[in-house]
């Protein structure tokens, strides 16, 4: 899926996260000073023309602490290459941790 998102100065988006293992990419079409995003424990400043890729299962929030200008971002989500159903498509191109192995008693 994909969407354009605008954030005005003083604006804040509620914390959110994805429900399934997937990656998100946010491409800053326009980012005036003060526009920020936190993903997990990391905070980044938006820069026009730069993309940020992150694991969508981490909590993220976005805000614009600037006094003028707006932030426009193209957001897209796609399958995480380490998801079990996707691994075969990326063999040899992506390094993923081994899948969890069952332990005694059949539990993970």
Protein backbone atom coordinates (compact mmCIF):
# COMPACT_ATOMS: atom_id res chain seq x y z
CA UNK A 1 0.00 0.00 0.00
CA UNK A 2 1.06 3.62 -0.43
CA UNK A 3 -0.14 7.05 0.67
CA UNK A 4 0.88 10.70 0.76
CA UNK A 5 0.86 12.19 4.25
CA UNK A 6 0.96 15.90 5.12
CA UNK A 7 1.93 17.20 8.54
CA UNK A 8 1.56 20.89 9.42
CA UNK A 9 3.68 22.77 11.98
CA UNK A 10 2.54 21.87 15.48
CA UNK A 11 0.96 18.65 14.16
CA UNK A 12 1.47 15.23 15.70
CA UNK A 13 0.38 11.78 14.57
CA UNK A 14 -0.68 9.24 17.19
CA UNK A 15 1.80 6.43 17.93
CA UNK A 16 1.15 3.46 15.63
CA UNK A 17 2.65 0.21 14.40
CA UNK A 18 1.98 -2.49 11.81
CA UNK A 19 0.29 -5.75 12.73
CA UNK A 20 2.41 -8.11 10.63
CA UNK A 21 6.12 -8.34 9.80
CA UNK A 22 6.56 -5.79 7.04
CA UNK A 23 8.85 -2.94 6.08
CA UNK A 24 7.85 0.67 5.58
CA UNK A 25 9.60 3.27 3.51
CA UNK A 26 8.94 6.98 3.98
CA UNK A 27 10.26 9.30 1.27
CA UNK A 28 10.30 12.96 2.29
CA UNK A 29 8.93 14.95 -0.65
CA UNK A 30 9.18 18.16 1.40
CA UNK A 31 10.47 18.42 4.95
CA UNK A 32 10.86 21.78 6.62
CA UNK A 33 12.89 22.11 9.86
CA UNK A 34 11.18 20.65 12.90
CA UNK A 35 9.68 17.55 11.26
CA UNK A 36 10.71 14.41 13.17
CA UNK A 37 9.83 10.74 13.54
CA UNK A 38 10.70 8.20 16.20
CA UNK A 39 10.77 4.47 15.51
CA UNK A 40 11.35 2.34 18.58
CA UNK A 41 14.01 4.23 20.57
CA UNK A 42 15.50 6.15 17.61
CA UNK A 43 14.49 9.64 16.49
CA UNK A 44 15.26 10.98 13.01
CA UNK A 45 14.81 14.36 11.35
CA UNK A 46 13.17 14.39 7.95
CA UNK A 47 15.30 15.65 5.06
CA UNK A 48 13.78 16.47 1.67
CA UNK A 49 14.60 13.80 -0.90
CA UNK A 50 15.74 11.19 1.65
CA UNK A 51 14.02 7.90 2.41
CA UNK A 52 13.78 6.12 5.74
CA UNK A 53 13.18 2.34 5.76
CA UNK A 54 12.16 0.63 9.00
CA UNK A 55 10.50 -2.47 10.42
CA UNK A 56 6.83 -1.52 10.78
CA UNK A 57 6.31 -3.72 13.85
CA UNK A 58 8.10 -1.09 15.99
CA UNK A 59 6.01 1.73 17.46
CA UNK A 60 6.47 4.99 15.58
CA UNK A 61 5.20 8.51 15.95
CA UNK A 62 5.64 11.63 13.87
CA UNK A 63 5.51 15.32 14.76
CA UNK A 64 6.35 18.74 13.37
CA UNK A 65 7.82 21.12 15.96
CA UNK A 66 8.62 23.80 13.38
CA UNK A 67 6.85 27.14 13.11
CA UNK A 68 6.32 27.22 9.35
CA UNK A 69 6.28 24.95 6.33
CA UNK A 70 4.72 21.54 5.95
CA UNK A 71 6.08 18.04 5.71
CA UNK A 72 4.94 15.82 2.82
CA UNK A 73 5.93 12.15 2.83
CA UNK A 74 5.21 9.29 0.45
CA UNK A 75 4.69 6.22 2.63
CA UNK A 76 4.73 2.66 1.28
CA UNK A 77 4.73 -0.76 2.93
CA UNK A 78 5.98 -4.05 1.58
CA UNK A 79 6.64 -7.60 2.76
CA UNK A 80 9.55 -8.14 5.13
CA UNK A 81 12.13 -10.31 3.31
CA UNK A 82 12.82 -12.28 6.51
CA UNK A 83 9.16 -13.28 6.94
CA UNK A 84 8.98 -17.06 6.61
CA UNK A 85 6.66 -16.90 3.58
CA UNK A 86 9.05 -14.50 1.78
CA UNK A 87 12.49 -16.02 2.48
CA UNK A 88 12.60 -18.19 -0.63
CA UNK A 89 12.27 -15.08 -2.84
CA UNK A 90 15.44 -13.52 -1.38
CA UNK A 91 17.77 -16.52 -0.97
CA UNK A 92 21.36 -15.36 -1.28
CA UNK A 93 20.39 -11.66 -1.45
CA UNK A 94 19.27 -10.96 2.14
CA UNK A 95 20.83 -12.19 5.37
CA UNK A 96 18.07 -13.27 7.76
CA UNK A 97 18.41 -14.93 11.15
CA UNK A 98 17.47 -18.62 11.13
CA UNK A 99 13.78 -19.36 11.79
CA UNK A 100 12.92 -20.35 15.37
CA UNK A 101 13.22 -24.06 16.09
CA UNK A 102 10.70 -25.98 18.20
CA UNK A 103 11.89 -26.94 21.66
CA UNK A 104 11.08 -30.09 23.64
CA UNK A 105 7.34 -30.42 24.07
CA UNK A 106 6.58 -28.76 20.71
CA UNK A 107 6.46 -25.16 21.95
CA UNK A 108 8.44 -22.34 20.34
